[in-house]
Amino acid sequence: MEGMQTLGQALGVLVCTFQHYCRKEGDRSTLSKGELRELLENELPSLRTLQIKDGALEELMALLDTNKDNQVDFEEYIRFVAAACTFFHDFFRDAPAVQPRVQ
């Protein structure tokens, strides 16, 4: 498919995105709640249009933070990415196989 990134490029984007946000405050190898919020707001702008109930970020943080250190490490982040990919795969299962538009 012309114009699509390779899987290697997509993996690089996932890694670099995590590294970009985790280096803003505190531990430079984990995401704080604030860093996670910024990542979600900037990298998934479609979430801004959804009506998200109060406490949703805290709930997401609790789900992702499996080791309960109040941070999201890279493995926890990748579990989130995998879950998001599964959701989008299921959601767009019957749609044409085209690269999503960049917002």
N, C-alpha and C. Protein backbone atom coordinates (compact mmCIF):
# COMPACT_ATOMS: atom_id res chain seq x y z
N MET A 1 0.84 -1.17 0.00
CA MET A 1 0.00 0.00 0.00
C MET A 1 0.89 1.24 0.00
N GLU A 2 0.73 1.98 -1.03
CA GLU A 2 1.57 3.15 -1.23
C GLU A 2 1.35 4.20 -0.15
N GLY A 3 2.43 4.78 0.35
CA GLY A 3 2.33 5.85 1.33
C GLY A 3 2.25 5.39 2.78
N MET A 4 2.10 4.11 3.02
CA MET A 4 2.00 3.62 4.40
C MET A 4 3.38 3.48 5.01
N GLN A 5 3.42 3.64 6.32
CA GLN A 5 4.67 3.40 7.04
C GLN A 5 4.93 1.91 7.11
N THR A 6 6.19 1.56 7.29
CA THR A 6 6.51 0.17 7.54
C THR A 6 6.20 -0.13 9.01
N LEU A 7 6.12 -1.40 9.34
CA LEU A 7 5.89 -1.78 10.74
C LEU A 7 7.02 -1.27 11.61
N GLY A 8 8.25 -1.33 11.10
CA GLY A 8 9.39 -0.82 11.86
C GLY A 8 9.26 0.66 12.17
N GLN A 9 8.79 1.44 11.19
CA GLN A 9 8.57 2.87 11.42
C GLN A 9 7.47 3.10 12.46
N ALA A 10 6.41 2.31 12.36
CA ALA A 10 5.31 2.45 13.33
C ALA A 10 5.79 2.12 14.74
N LEU A 11 6.60 1.09 14.88
CA LEU A 11 7.15 0.75 16.19
C LEU A 11 8.04 1.87 16.71
N GLY A 12 8.82 2.45 15.84
CA GLY A 12 9.67 3.58 16.22
C GLY A 12 8.84 4.75 16.73
N VAL A 13 7.72 5.03 16.08
CA VAL A 13 6.84 6.11 16.52
C VAL A 13 6.30 5.81 17.91
N LEU A 14 5.89 4.57 18.17
CA LEU A 14 5.38 4.20 19.50
C LEU A 14 6.43 4.43 20.58
N VAL A 15 7.65 4.00 20.32
CA VAL A 15 8.74 4.16 21.29
C VAL A 15 9.07 5.63 21.49
N CYS A 16 9.24 6.35 20.40
CA CYS A 16 9.61 7.77 20.50
C CYS A 16 8.52 8.60 21.16
N THR A 17 7.26 8.26 20.92
CA THR A 17 6.16 8.98 21.57
C THR A 17 6.23 8.80 23.07
N PHE A 18 6.42 7.57 23.53
CA PHE A 18 6.56 7.32 24.96
C PHE A 18 7.73 8.11 25.53
N GLN A 19 8.88 8.03 24.87
CA GLN A 19 10.08 8.70 25.37
C GLN A 19 9.91 10.22 25.40
N HIS A 20 9.22 10.77 24.42
CA HIS A 20 8.98 12.21 24.38
C HIS A 20 8.22 12.68 25.61
N TYR A 21 7.17 11.97 25.98
CA TYR A 21 6.33 12.41 27.09
C TYR A 21 6.88 12.02 28.46
N CYS A 22 7.57 10.90 28.57
CA CYS A 22 8.04 10.46 29.89
C CYS A 22 9.21 11.30 30.39
N ARG A 23 9.80 12.09 29.57
CA ARG A 23 10.97 12.88 29.96
C ARG A 23 10.62 14.29 30.40
N LYS A 24 9.35 14.58 30.56
CA LYS A 24 8.94 15.95 30.89
C LYS A 24 9.01 16.26 32.37
N GLU A 25 8.80 15.26 33.23
CA GLU A 25 8.84 15.52 34.68
C GLU A 25 9.20 14.23 35.42
N GLY A 26 9.71 14.37 36.61
CA GLY A 26 9.98 13.21 37.46
C GLY A 26 10.86 12.15 36.81
N ASP A 27 10.48 10.89 37.01
CA ASP A 27 11.21 9.74 36.48
C ASP A 27 11.21 9.79 34.96
N ARG A 28 12.40 9.78 34.38
CA ARG A 28 12.53 9.92 32.93
C ARG A 28 12.27 8.63 32.17
N SER A 29 11.83 7.58 32.86
CA SER A 29 11.53 6.32 32.16
C SER A 29 10.09 5.86 32.41
N THR A 30 9.27 6.73 33.01
CA THR A 30 7.87 6.40 33.23
C THR A 30 7.01 7.63 32.97
N LEU A 31 5.72 7.39 32.76
CA LEU A 31 4.76 8.48 32.59
C LEU A 31 4.04 8.74 33.90
N SER A 32 4.05 9.98 34.33
CA SER A 32 3.22 10.38 35.47
C SER A 32 1.79 10.54 34.96
N LYS A 33 0.85 10.78 35.86
CA LYS A 33 -0.53 11.00 35.45
C LYS A 33 -0.61 12.22 34.52
N GLY A 34 0.12 13.28 34.83
CA GLY A 34 0.12 14.48 33.99
C GLY A 34 0.71 14.21 32.62
N GLU A 35 1.79 13.46 32.57
CA GLU A 35 2.40 13.12 31.28
C GLU A 35 1.47 12.24 30.45
N LEU A 36 0.79 11.30 31.12
CA LEU A 36 -0.18 10.45 30.43
C LEU A 36 -1.31 11.29 29.86
N ARG A 37 -1.82 12.23 30.64
CA ARG A 37 -2.88 13.13 30.17
C ARG A 37 -2.42 13.90 28.93
N GLU A 38 -1.21 14.46 28.97
CA GLU A 38 -0.70 15.22 27.85
C GLU A 38 -0.53 14.34 26.61
N LEU A 39 -0.01 13.13 26.80
CA LEU A 39 0.15 12.19 25.69
C LEU A 39 -1.21 11.91 25.05
N LEU A 40 -2.20 11.58 25.86
CA LEU A 40 -3.52 11.26 25.33
C LEU A 40 -4.15 12.46 24.62
N GLU A 41 -4.04 13.63 25.21
CA GLU A 41 -4.64 14.83 24.60
C GLU A 41 -3.97 15.20 23.28
N ASN A 42 -2.65 15.06 23.21
CA ASN A 42 -1.92 15.46 22.00
C ASN A 42 -1.89 14.38 20.93
N GLU A 43 -1.79 13.14 21.34
CA GLU A 43 -1.60 12.05 20.37
C GLU A 43 -2.89 11.37 19.97
N LEU A 44 -3.94 11.54 20.75
CA LEU A 44 -5.27 11.00 20.41
C LEU A 44 -6.29 12.14 20.52
N PRO A 45 -6.16 13.14 19.63
CA PRO A 45 -7.02 14.32 19.74
C PRO A 45 -8.51 14.02 19.63
N SER A 46 -8.86 12.90 19.02
CA SER A 46 -10.28 12.56 18.90
C SER A 46 -10.90 12.31 20.28
N LEU A 47 -10.09 12.00 21.28
CA LEU A 47 -10.62 11.81 22.64
C LEU A 47 -11.19 13.10 23.21
N ARG A 48 -10.69 14.25 22.74
CA ARG A 48 -11.19 15.53 23.24
C ARG A 48 -12.66 15.73 22.93
N THR A 49 -13.13 15.14 21.84
CA THR A 49 -14.52 15.33 21.44
C THR A 49 -15.48 14.40 22.19
N LEU A 50 -14.95 13.41 22.86
CA LEU A 50 -15.80 12.48 23.60
C LEU A 50 -16.18 13.07 24.95
N GLN A 51 -17.34 12.72 25.42
CA GLN A 51 -17.76 13.13 26.75
C GLN A 51 -17.21 12.09 27.73
N ILE A 52 -16.10 12.42 28.39
CA ILE A 52 -15.46 11.49 29.32
C ILE A 52 -15.86 11.88 30.73
N LYS A 53 -16.37 10.91 31.45
CA LYS A 53 -16.85 11.20 32.80
C LYS A 53 -15.70 11.58 33.73
N ASP A 54 -16.05 12.29 34.80
CA ASP A 54 -15.05 12.67 35.80
C ASP A 54 -14.36 11.43 36.34
N GLY A 55 -13.09 11.52 36.53
CA GLY A 55 -12.32 10.40 37.10
C GLY A 55 -11.86 9.39 36.06
N ALA A 56 -12.14 9.63 34.77
CA ALA A 56 -11.75 8.67 33.74
C ALA A 56 -10.24 8.50 33.66
N LEU A 57 -9.49 9.59 33.79
CA LEU A 57 -8.03 9.49 33.73
C LEU A 57 -7.51 8.69 34.92
N GLU A 58 -8.08 8.91 36.08
CA GLU A 58 -7.67 8.16 37.26
C GLU A 58 -7.97 6.67 37.09
N GLU A 59 -9.12 6.36 36.49
CA GLU A 59 -9.47 4.96 36.24
C GLU A 59 -8.51 4.33 35.25
N LEU A 60 -8.19 5.06 34.17
CA LEU A 60 -7.25 4.54 33.19
C LEU A 60 -5.88 4.34 33.83
N MET A 61 -5.44 5.30 34.61
CA MET A 61 -4.15 5.19 35.29
C MET A 61 -4.12 3.95 36.19
N ALA A 62 -5.20 3.72 36.93
CA ALA A 62 -5.26 2.55 37.82
C ALA A 62 -5.21 1.25 37.02
N LEU A 63 -5.85 1.23 35.86
CA LEU A 63 -5.83 0.03 35.02
C LEU A 63 -4.45 -0.22 34.42
N LEU A 64 -3.80 0.84 33.99
CA LEU A 64 -2.49 0.69 33.35
C LEU A 64 -1.38 0.41 34.34
N ASP A 65 -1.46 1.00 35.52
CA ASP A 65 -0.39 0.91 36.52
C ASP A 65 -0.48 -0.41 37.27
N THR A 66 -0.08 -1.48 36.60
CA THR A 66 -0.23 -2.82 37.18
C THR A 66 0.69 -3.06 38.38
N ASN A 67 1.82 -2.35 38.46
CA ASN A 67 2.71 -2.55 39.60
C ASN A 67 2.44 -1.55 40.73
N LYS A 68 1.43 -0.70 40.55
CA LYS A 68 0.93 0.23 41.58
C LYS A 68 2.00 1.19 42.11
N ASP A 69 2.83 1.72 41.19
CA ASP A 69 3.84 2.69 41.60
C ASP A 69 3.44 4.13 41.23
N ASN A 70 2.19 4.32 40.82
CA ASN A 70 1.66 5.63 40.41
C ASN A 70 2.35 6.20 39.19
N GLN A 71 2.93 5.34 38.38
CA GLN A 71 3.57 5.70 37.12
C GLN A 71 3.20 4.66 36.08
N VAL A 72 3.29 5.03 34.81
CA VAL A 72 3.08 4.07 33.72
C VAL A 72 4.44 3.84 33.06
N ASP A 73 4.96 2.61 33.21
CA ASP A 73 6.25 2.30 32.58
C ASP A 73 6.00 1.86 31.14
N PHE A 74 7.08 1.57 30.42
CA PHE A 74 6.95 1.27 29.00
C PHE A 74 6.11 0.02 28.76
N GLU A 75 6.30 -1.03 29.55
CA GLU A 75 5.50 -2.25 29.37
C GLU A 75 4.02 -1.99 29.60
N GLU A 76 3.70 -1.17 30.59
CA GLU A 76 2.30 -0.83 30.86
C GLU A 76 1.71 0.00 29.71
N TYR A 77 2.51 0.91 29.17
CA TYR A 77 2.11 1.73 28.03
C TYR A 77 1.84 0.85 26.81
N ILE A 78 2.70 -0.12 26.56
CA ILE A 78 2.54 -1.00 25.39
C ILE A 78 1.29 -1.86 25.55
N ARG A 79 0.95 -2.26 26.76
CA ARG A 79 -0.31 -2.99 26.96
C ARG A 79 -1.49 -2.12 26.57
N PHE A 80 -1.43 -0.83 26.91
CA PHE A 80 -2.47 0.12 26.52
C PHE A 80 -2.54 0.23 25.00
N VAL A 81 -1.38 0.37 24.34
CA VAL A 81 -1.33 0.48 22.89
C VAL A 81 -1.93 -0.78 22.25
N ALA A 82 -1.59 -1.94 22.79
CA ALA A 82 -2.13 -3.20 22.25
C ALA A 82 -3.65 -3.24 22.40
N ALA A 83 -4.15 -2.82 23.56
CA ALA A 83 -5.60 -2.80 23.77
C ALA A 83 -6.26 -1.82 22.82
N ALA A 84 -5.65 -0.65 22.62
CA ALA A 84 -6.20 0.35 21.69
C ALA A 84 -6.20 -0.20 20.26
N CYS A 85 -5.13 -0.87 19.87
CA CYS A 85 -5.07 -1.46 18.52
C CYS A 85 -6.15 -2.52 18.35
N THR A 86 -6.37 -3.33 19.36
CA THR A 86 -7.41 -4.35 19.30
C THR A 86 -8.78 -3.71 19.15
N PHE A 87 -9.03 -2.64 19.91
CA PHE A 87 -10.29 -1.93 19.80
C PHE A 87 -10.49 -1.40 18.38
N PHE A 88 -9.47 -0.72 17.83
CA PHE A 88 -9.59 -0.16 16.50
C PHE A 88 -9.71 -1.24 15.43
N HIS A 89 -9.02 -2.35 15.62
CA HIS A 89 -9.13 -3.47 14.68
C HIS A 89 -10.56 -3.98 14.65
N ASP A 90 -11.13 -4.19 15.81
CA ASP A 90 -12.51 -4.67 15.89
C ASP A 90 -13.49 -3.64 15.32
N PHE A 91 -13.28 -2.38 15.65
CA PHE A 91 -14.17 -1.30 15.22
C PHE A 91 -14.18 -1.16 13.70
N PHE A 92 -13.00 -1.26 13.08
CA PHE A 92 -12.88 -1.06 11.64
C PHE A 92 -12.77 -2.36 10.85
N ARG A 93 -13.15 -3.46 11.45
CA ARG A 93 -13.00 -4.78 10.82
C ARG A 93 -13.58 -4.83 9.41
N ASP A 94 -14.73 -4.26 9.18
CA ASP A 94 -15.39 -4.34 7.88
C ASP A 94 -15.12 -3.12 6.99
N ALA A 95 -14.27 -2.22 7.43
CA ALA A 95 -13.95 -1.02 6.64
C ALA A 95 -12.88 -1.36 5.61
N PRO A 96 -12.78 -0.57 4.54
CA PRO A 96 -11.70 -0.80 3.55
C PRO A 96 -10.33 -0.66 4.21
N ALA A 97 -9.37 -1.44 3.75
CA ALA A 97 -8.01 -1.41 4.30
C ALA A 97 -7.25 -0.23 3.71
N VAL A 98 -7.37 0.93 4.33
CA VAL A 98 -6.65 2.13 3.91
C VAL A 98 -5.99 2.73 5.13
N GLN A 99 -4.93 3.46 4.90
CA GLN A 99 -4.23 4.11 6.00
C GLN A 99 -5.12 5.20 6.58
N PRO A 100 -5.22 5.26 7.92
CA PRO A 100 -6.03 6.32 8.52
C PRO A 100 -5.45 7.70 8.23
N ARG A 101 -6.34 8.69 8.17
CA ARG A 101 -5.89 10.05 7.94
C ARG A 101 -5.17 10.59 9.15
N VAL A 102 -4.17 11.42 8.92
CA VAL A 102 -3.47 12.11 10.00
C VAL A 102 -4.28 13.34 10.34
N GLN A 103 -4.53 13.56 11.63
CA GLN A 103 -5.33 14.71 12.06
C GLN A 103 -4.48 15.91 12.32
